[in-house]
Amino acid sequence: MAKLPRRKCKVCREWFHSAYSNVVWCCPEHGAIYALELRAKEKIKAAARRIREKH
């Protein structure tokens, strides 16, 4: 059986072994923080897109 790849948490930058390939956080608390950060980025991009479309 192959070894699990190590990853760095997107929030705290600690090394960890993820259970799934799409998990980029080390614990559920950091998963929530990361989700909020992504949502904030999406809101900023959407606002910029709306402003660009107005002009």
C-alpha atoms as a PDB file:
ATOM      1  CA  MET A   1       0.000   0.000   0.000  1.00  0.00           C
ATOM      2  CA  ALA A   2       1.321   3.449  -0.924  1.00  0.00           C
ATOM      3  CA  LYS A   3       2.109   6.031   1.718  1.00  0.00           C
ATOM      4  CA  LEU A   4      -0.366   8.870   2.131  1.00  0.00           C
ATOM      5  CA  PRO A   5       0.933  12.138   0.662  1.00  0.00           C
ATOM      6  CA  ARG A   6       1.655  14.942   3.091  1.00  0.00           C
ATOM      7  CA  ARG A   7       0.070  18.325   2.536  1.00  0.00           C
ATOM      8  CA  LYS A   8       0.318  21.739   4.115  1.00  0.00           C
ATOM      9  CA  CYS A   9      -2.787  23.225   5.700  1.00  0.00           C
ATOM     10  CA  LYS A  10      -3.985  26.331   3.817  1.00  0.00           C
ATOM     11  CA  VAL A  11      -4.717  28.071   7.134  1.00  0.00           C
ATOM     12  CA  CYS A  12      -1.893  27.218   9.552  1.00  0.00           C
ATOM     13  CA  ARG A  13       0.707  25.830   7.087  1.00  0.00           C
ATOM     14  CA  GLU A  14       1.237  22.688   9.224  1.00  0.00           C
ATOM     15  CA  TRP A  15       2.012  19.375   7.544  1.00  0.00           C
ATOM     16  CA  PHE A  16      -0.744  16.732   7.716  1.00  0.00           C
ATOM     17  CA  HIS A  17      -1.971  13.604   5.952  1.00  0.00           C
ATOM     18  CA  SER A  18      -5.308  14.247   4.234  1.00  0.00           C
ATOM     19  CA  ALA A  19      -8.008  11.604   4.208  1.00  0.00           C
ATOM     20  CA  TYR A  20      -9.285  12.675   0.778  1.00  0.00           C
ATOM     21  CA  SER A  21      -7.614  14.253  -2.244  1.00  0.00           C
ATOM     22  CA  ASN A  22      -9.703  17.444  -2.124  1.00  0.00           C
ATOM     23  CA  VAL A  23      -9.042  18.272   1.557  1.00  0.00           C
ATOM     24  CA  VAL A  24      -6.513  21.079   2.024  1.00  0.00           C
ATOM     25  CA  TRP A  25      -6.996  21.776   5.755  1.00  0.00           C
ATOM     26  CA  CYS A  26      -5.765  19.866   8.787  1.00  0.00           C
ATOM     27  CA  CYS A  27      -8.846  20.023  11.060  1.00  0.00           C
ATOM     28  CA  PRO A  28     -12.558  20.909  10.795  1.00  0.00           C
ATOM     29  CA  GLU A  29     -12.027  24.314  12.413  1.00  0.00           C
ATOM     30  CA  HIS A  30      -9.492  25.252   9.751  1.00  0.00           C
ATOM     31  CA  GLY A  31     -11.853  23.890   7.091  1.00  0.00           C
ATOM     32  CA  ALA A  32     -14.482  26.391   8.224  1.00  0.00           C
ATOM     33  CA  ILE A  33     -11.964  29.252   8.241  1.00  0.00           C
ATOM     34  CA  TYR A  34     -10.757  28.315   4.752  1.00  0.00           C
ATOM     35  CA  ALA A  35     -14.348  28.134   3.447  1.00  0.00           C
ATOM     36  CA  LEU A  36     -15.077  31.625   4.777  1.00  0.00           C
ATOM     37  CA  GLU A  37     -11.910  32.957   3.120  1.00  0.00           C
ATOM     38  CA  LEU A  38     -12.905  31.403  -0.213  1.00  0.00           C
ATOM     39  CA  ARG A  39     -16.416  32.839   0.080  1.00  0.00           C
ATOM     40  CA  ALA A  40     -15.004  36.314   0.749  1.00  0.00           C
ATOM     41  CA  LYS A  41     -12.782  36.042  -2.346  1.00  0.00           C
ATOM     42  CA  GLU A  42     -15.777  34.992  -4.450  1.00  0.00           C
ATOM     43  CA  LYS A  43     -17.798  37.985  -3.214  1.00  0.00           C
ATOM     44  CA  ILE A  44     -14.974  40.387  -4.114  1.00  0.00           C
ATOM     45  CA  LYS A  45     -14.640  38.873  -7.593  1.00  0.00           C
ATOM     46  CA  ALA A  46     -18.406  39.037  -8.148  1.00  0.00           C
ATOM     47  CA  ALA A  47     -18.498  42.692  -7.094  1.00  0.00           C
ATOM     48  CA  ALA A  48     -15.613  43.519  -9.434  1.00  0.00           C
ATOM     49  CA  ARG A  49     -17.372  41.685 -12.261  1.00  0.00           C
ATOM     50  CA  ARG A  50     -20.592  43.673 -11.631  1.00  0.00           C
ATOM     51  CA  ILE A  51     -18.685  46.973 -11.644  1.00  0.00           C
ATOM     52  CA  ARG A  52     -16.890  46.014 -14.861  1.00  0.00           C
ATOM     53  CA  GLU A  53     -20.184  45.118 -16.558  1.00  0.00           C
ATOM     54  CA  LYS A  54     -21.753  48.471 -15.593  1.00  0.00           C
ATOM     55  CA  HIS A  55     -19.060  50.478 -17.403  1.00  0.00           C
END
